[in-house]
Amino acid sequence: MNMVKIAYKPFGVGLGMAAGAVAGTVFNQVWKRLGHEDDAPDATDEQRHWREILLAAALQGAIFAVVRAAVERGGARTTKRLTGVWPD
């Protein structure tokens, strides 16, 4: 395994954690704008309907996936630009 790829692993983990934090913030802002509430429903919230809970979960998953892909792709491209090696 190439040294750049080995060195990228902890960097990639850090990017993943940062992506999760950013995705959480983005989701909270989107939910406030769509739902006019501060907090998205939890799956065990008895007062919320199935539709609202599943919509929140689907939206959160989609936002997380898009943010994570964008951050990971940006990290890989930056690594390629700096080292000439694409991390796998």
N, C-alpha and C. Protein backbone atom coordinates (compact mmCIF):
# COMPACT_ATOMS: atom_id res chain seq x y z
N MET A 1 0.84 -1.18 0.00
CA MET A 1 0.00 0.00 0.00
C MET A 1 0.89 1.25 0.00
N ASN A 2 0.52 2.21 -0.77
CA ASN A 2 1.27 3.45 -0.91
C ASN A 2 1.21 4.26 0.39
N MET A 3 2.28 4.96 0.72
CA MET A 3 2.36 5.75 1.95
C MET A 3 1.31 6.87 1.98
N VAL A 4 1.01 7.45 0.82
CA VAL A 4 0.00 8.51 0.76
C VAL A 4 -1.36 7.93 1.16
N LYS A 5 -1.65 6.74 0.66
CA LYS A 5 -2.93 6.12 0.99
C LYS A 5 -3.02 5.78 2.48
N ILE A 6 -1.91 5.35 3.06
CA ILE A 6 -1.88 5.06 4.49
C ILE A 6 -2.06 6.35 5.29
N ALA A 7 -1.37 7.39 4.89
CA ALA A 7 -1.46 8.67 5.59
C ALA A 7 -2.84 9.29 5.44
N TYR A 8 -3.53 8.98 4.35
CA TYR A 8 -4.85 9.56 4.10
C TYR A 8 -5.91 8.98 5.03
N LYS A 9 -5.72 7.76 5.49
CA LYS A 9 -6.76 7.10 6.30
C LYS A 9 -7.18 7.93 7.50
N PRO A 10 -6.29 8.38 8.39
CA PRO A 10 -6.75 9.19 9.52
C PRO A 10 -7.35 10.53 9.07
N PHE A 11 -6.81 11.08 7.99
CA PHE A 11 -7.36 12.31 7.43
C PHE A 11 -8.79 12.08 6.97
N GLY A 12 -9.03 10.94 6.32
CA GLY A 12 -10.36 10.58 5.85
C GLY A 12 -11.34 10.40 7.00
N VAL A 13 -10.89 9.82 8.10
CA VAL A 13 -11.74 9.66 9.28
C VAL A 13 -12.13 11.03 9.82
N GLY A 14 -11.16 11.92 9.90
CA GLY A 14 -11.44 13.28 10.36
C GLY A 14 -12.42 14.00 9.45
N LEU A 15 -12.25 13.81 8.14
CA LEU A 15 -13.19 14.40 7.19
C LEU A 15 -14.59 13.86 7.40
N GLY A 16 -14.69 12.56 7.66
CA GLY A 16 -16.00 11.95 7.89
C GLY A 16 -16.68 12.53 9.11
N MET A 17 -15.92 12.75 10.17
CA MET A 17 -16.49 13.33 11.38
C MET A 17 -16.93 14.78 11.13
N ALA A 18 -16.11 15.51 10.42
CA ALA A 18 -16.47 16.89 10.09
C ALA A 18 -17.72 16.93 9.21
N ALA A 19 -17.80 16.00 8.27
CA ALA A 19 -18.96 15.93 7.38
C ALA A 19 -20.23 15.65 8.19
N GLY A 20 -20.13 14.77 9.18
CA GLY A 20 -21.29 14.48 10.02
C GLY A 20 -21.76 15.70 10.78
N ALA A 21 -20.81 16.47 11.31
CA ALA A 21 -21.17 17.69 12.04
C ALA A 21 -21.82 18.72 11.11
N VAL A 22 -21.25 18.89 9.93
CA VAL A 22 -21.81 19.84 8.96
C VAL A 22 -23.20 19.37 8.53
N ALA A 23 -23.34 18.09 8.25
CA ALA A 23 -24.64 17.56 7.82
C ALA A 23 -25.70 17.75 8.89
N GLY A 24 -25.34 17.56 10.15
CA GLY A 24 -26.29 17.78 11.23
C GLY A 24 -26.76 19.22 11.30
N THR A 25 -25.84 20.15 11.13
CA THR A 25 -26.18 21.57 11.14
C THR A 25 -27.07 21.92 9.95
N VAL A 26 -26.71 21.41 8.77
CA VAL A 26 -27.52 21.68 7.57
C VAL A 26 -28.92 21.11 7.75
N PHE A 27 -29.02 19.88 8.24
CA PHE A 27 -30.33 19.28 8.44
C PHE A 27 -31.18 20.09 9.41
N ASN A 28 -30.60 20.52 10.52
CA ASN A 28 -31.37 21.30 11.49
C ASN A 28 -31.90 22.59 10.87
N GLN A 29 -31.09 23.24 10.05
CA GLN A 29 -31.54 24.48 9.40
C GLN A 29 -32.65 24.20 8.38
N VAL A 30 -32.49 23.14 7.60
CA VAL A 30 -33.51 22.78 6.61
C VAL A 30 -34.81 22.40 7.33
N TRP A 31 -34.70 21.64 8.40
CA TRP A 31 -35.90 21.22 9.12
C TRP A 31 -36.64 22.42 9.71
N LYS A 32 -35.91 23.37 10.24
CA LYS A 32 -36.55 24.58 10.78
C LYS A 32 -37.32 25.31 9.70
N ARG A 33 -36.74 25.38 8.51
CA ARG A 33 -37.41 26.09 7.41
C ARG A 33 -38.61 25.32 6.89
N LEU A 34 -38.53 24.01 6.84
CA LEU A 34 -39.64 23.20 6.34
C LEU A 34 -40.71 22.95 7.38
N GLY A 35 -40.28 22.65 8.59
CA GLY A 35 -41.23 22.24 9.61
C GLY A 35 -41.64 23.32 10.58
N HIS A 36 -40.98 24.47 10.51
CA HIS A 36 -41.26 25.57 11.43
C HIS A 36 -41.12 25.15 12.89
N GLU A 37 -40.20 24.25 13.15
CA GLU A 37 -39.93 23.78 14.50
C GLU A 37 -38.42 23.78 14.71
N ASP A 38 -38.02 23.80 15.97
CA ASP A 38 -36.59 23.78 16.27
C ASP A 38 -35.99 22.39 16.18
N ASP A 39 -36.76 21.38 16.54
CA ASP A 39 -36.23 20.01 16.58
C ASP A 39 -37.01 19.09 15.66
N ALA A 40 -36.28 18.22 14.99
CA ALA A 40 -36.91 17.19 14.17
C ALA A 40 -37.47 16.12 15.11
N PRO A 41 -38.49 15.40 14.67
CA PRO A 41 -39.08 14.38 15.53
C PRO A 41 -38.16 13.17 15.70
N ASP A 42 -38.19 12.60 16.89
CA ASP A 42 -37.52 11.33 17.14
C ASP A 42 -38.47 10.21 16.77
N ALA A 43 -37.91 9.06 16.46
CA ALA A 43 -38.74 7.91 16.09
C ALA A 43 -39.67 7.49 17.23
N THR A 44 -39.29 7.76 18.46
CA THR A 44 -40.09 7.35 19.61
C THR A 44 -40.99 8.46 20.15
N ASP A 45 -41.09 9.57 19.42
CA ASP A 45 -41.94 10.68 19.85
C ASP A 45 -43.40 10.30 19.62
N GLU A 46 -44.10 10.07 20.70
CA GLU A 46 -45.49 9.58 20.63
C GLU A 46 -46.44 10.59 19.99
N GLN A 47 -46.13 11.86 20.09
CA GLN A 47 -47.02 12.91 19.59
C GLN A 47 -46.88 13.15 18.08
N ARG A 48 -45.89 12.56 17.47
CA ARG A 48 -45.66 12.80 16.04
C ARG A 48 -46.24 11.65 15.21
N HIS A 49 -46.64 11.97 14.01
CA HIS A 49 -47.20 10.97 13.09
C HIS A 49 -46.08 10.27 12.32
N TRP A 50 -46.40 9.06 11.84
CA TRP A 50 -45.45 8.28 11.06
C TRP A 50 -44.89 9.09 9.90
N ARG A 51 -45.78 9.75 9.19
CA ARG A 51 -45.36 10.50 7.99
C ARG A 51 -44.28 11.53 8.32
N GLU A 52 -44.46 12.28 9.40
CA GLU A 52 -43.50 13.30 9.78
C GLU A 52 -42.16 12.68 10.21
N ILE A 53 -42.23 11.59 10.95
CA ILE A 53 -41.02 10.92 11.41
C ILE A 53 -40.23 10.35 10.23
N LEU A 54 -40.92 9.70 9.31
CA LEU A 54 -40.24 9.10 8.16
C LEU A 54 -39.71 10.17 7.21
N LEU A 55 -40.44 11.26 7.05
CA LEU A 55 -39.95 12.36 6.22
C LEU A 55 -38.67 12.94 6.80
N ALA A 56 -38.65 13.15 8.11
CA ALA A 56 -37.47 13.70 8.77
C ALA A 56 -36.28 12.74 8.61
N ALA A 57 -36.52 11.46 8.78
CA ALA A 57 -35.43 10.48 8.66
C ALA A 57 -34.89 10.43 7.23
N ALA A 58 -35.78 10.46 6.24
CA ALA A 58 -35.35 10.42 4.85
C ALA A 58 -34.56 11.68 4.48
N LEU A 59 -35.05 12.82 4.92
CA LEU A 59 -34.36 14.08 4.64
C LEU A 59 -33.00 14.12 5.31
N GLN A 60 -32.93 13.67 6.54
CA GLN A 60 -31.65 13.65 7.27
C GLN A 60 -30.66 12.72 6.57
N GLY A 61 -31.12 11.55 6.15
CA GLY A 61 -30.25 10.61 5.46
C GLY A 61 -29.74 11.16 4.14
N ALA A 62 -30.62 11.80 3.39
CA ALA A 62 -30.21 12.36 2.10
C ALA A 62 -29.19 13.48 2.28
N ILE A 63 -29.44 14.36 3.23
CA ILE A 63 -28.50 15.46 3.48
C ILE A 63 -27.16 14.91 3.94
N PHE A 64 -27.18 13.95 4.85
CA PHE A 64 -25.94 13.36 5.34
C PHE A 64 -25.15 12.74 4.19
N ALA A 65 -25.82 11.99 3.32
CA ALA A 65 -25.13 11.32 2.22
C ALA A 65 -24.51 12.32 1.24
N VAL A 66 -25.23 13.38 0.92
CA VAL A 66 -24.72 14.37 -0.02
C VAL A 66 -23.53 15.13 0.58
N VAL A 67 -23.67 15.56 1.83
CA VAL A 67 -22.57 16.31 2.47
C VAL A 67 -21.34 15.41 2.61
N ARG A 68 -21.54 14.18 3.04
CA ARG A 68 -20.42 13.27 3.22
C ARG A 68 -19.71 13.01 1.89
N ALA A 69 -20.47 12.77 0.83
CA ALA A 69 -19.86 12.53 -0.49
C ALA A 69 -19.08 13.75 -0.96
N ALA A 70 -19.65 14.94 -0.76
CA ALA A 70 -18.96 16.16 -1.20
C ALA A 70 -17.66 16.37 -0.42
N VAL A 71 -17.70 16.15 0.89
CA VAL A 71 -16.51 16.35 1.71
C VAL A 71 -15.44 15.29 1.38
N GLU A 72 -15.84 14.04 1.25
CA GLU A 72 -14.87 12.99 0.93
C GLU A 72 -14.27 13.18 -0.45
N ARG A 73 -15.09 13.57 -1.42
CA ARG A 73 -14.59 13.80 -2.76
C ARG A 73 -13.61 14.98 -2.78
N GLY A 74 -13.96 16.04 -2.06
CA GLY A 74 -13.06 17.19 -1.96
C GLY A 74 -11.73 16.82 -1.32
N GLY A 75 -11.77 15.99 -0.28
CA GLY A 75 -10.54 15.54 0.38
C GLY A 75 -9.68 14.70 -0.55
N ALA A 76 -10.32 13.82 -1.31
CA ALA A 76 -9.57 12.98 -2.25
C ALA A 76 -8.95 13.83 -3.36
N ARG A 77 -9.70 14.78 -3.88
CA ARG A 77 -9.17 15.64 -4.94
C ARG A 77 -8.02 16.49 -4.43
N THR A 78 -8.15 16.98 -3.20
CA THR A 78 -7.07 17.78 -2.62
C THR A 78 -5.82 16.93 -2.43
N THR A 79 -5.99 15.71 -1.97
CA THR A 79 -4.86 14.80 -1.80
C THR A 79 -4.19 14.53 -3.14
N LYS A 80 -4.98 14.30 -4.17
CA LYS A 80 -4.43 14.07 -5.51
C LYS A 80 -3.66 15.29 -6.00
N ARG A 81 -4.22 16.47 -5.76
CA ARG A 81 -3.57 17.70 -6.20
C ARG A 81 -2.24 17.91 -5.48
N LEU A 82 -2.20 17.58 -4.18
CA LEU A 82 -1.00 17.82 -3.39
C LEU A 82 0.07 16.75 -3.58
N THR A 83 -0.36 15.50 -3.79
CA THR A 83 0.61 14.39 -3.81
C THR A 83 0.73 13.71 -5.16
N GLY A 84 -0.27 13.90 -6.02
CA GLY A 84 -0.26 13.21 -7.30
C GLY A 84 -0.83 11.80 -7.22
N VAL A 85 -1.29 11.38 -6.03
CA VAL A 85 -1.82 10.03 -5.83
C VAL A 85 -3.27 10.14 -5.36
N TRP A 86 -4.15 9.37 -6.00
CA TRP A 86 -5.54 9.33 -5.59
C TRP A 86 -5.71 8.33 -4.46
N PRO A 87 -6.23 8.76 -3.30
CA PRO A 87 -6.39 7.82 -2.17
C PRO A 87 -7.57 6.89 -2.42
N ASP A 88 -7.41 5.63 -2.12
CA ASP A 88 -8.50 4.66 -2.29
C ASP A 88 -9.18 4.41 -0.99
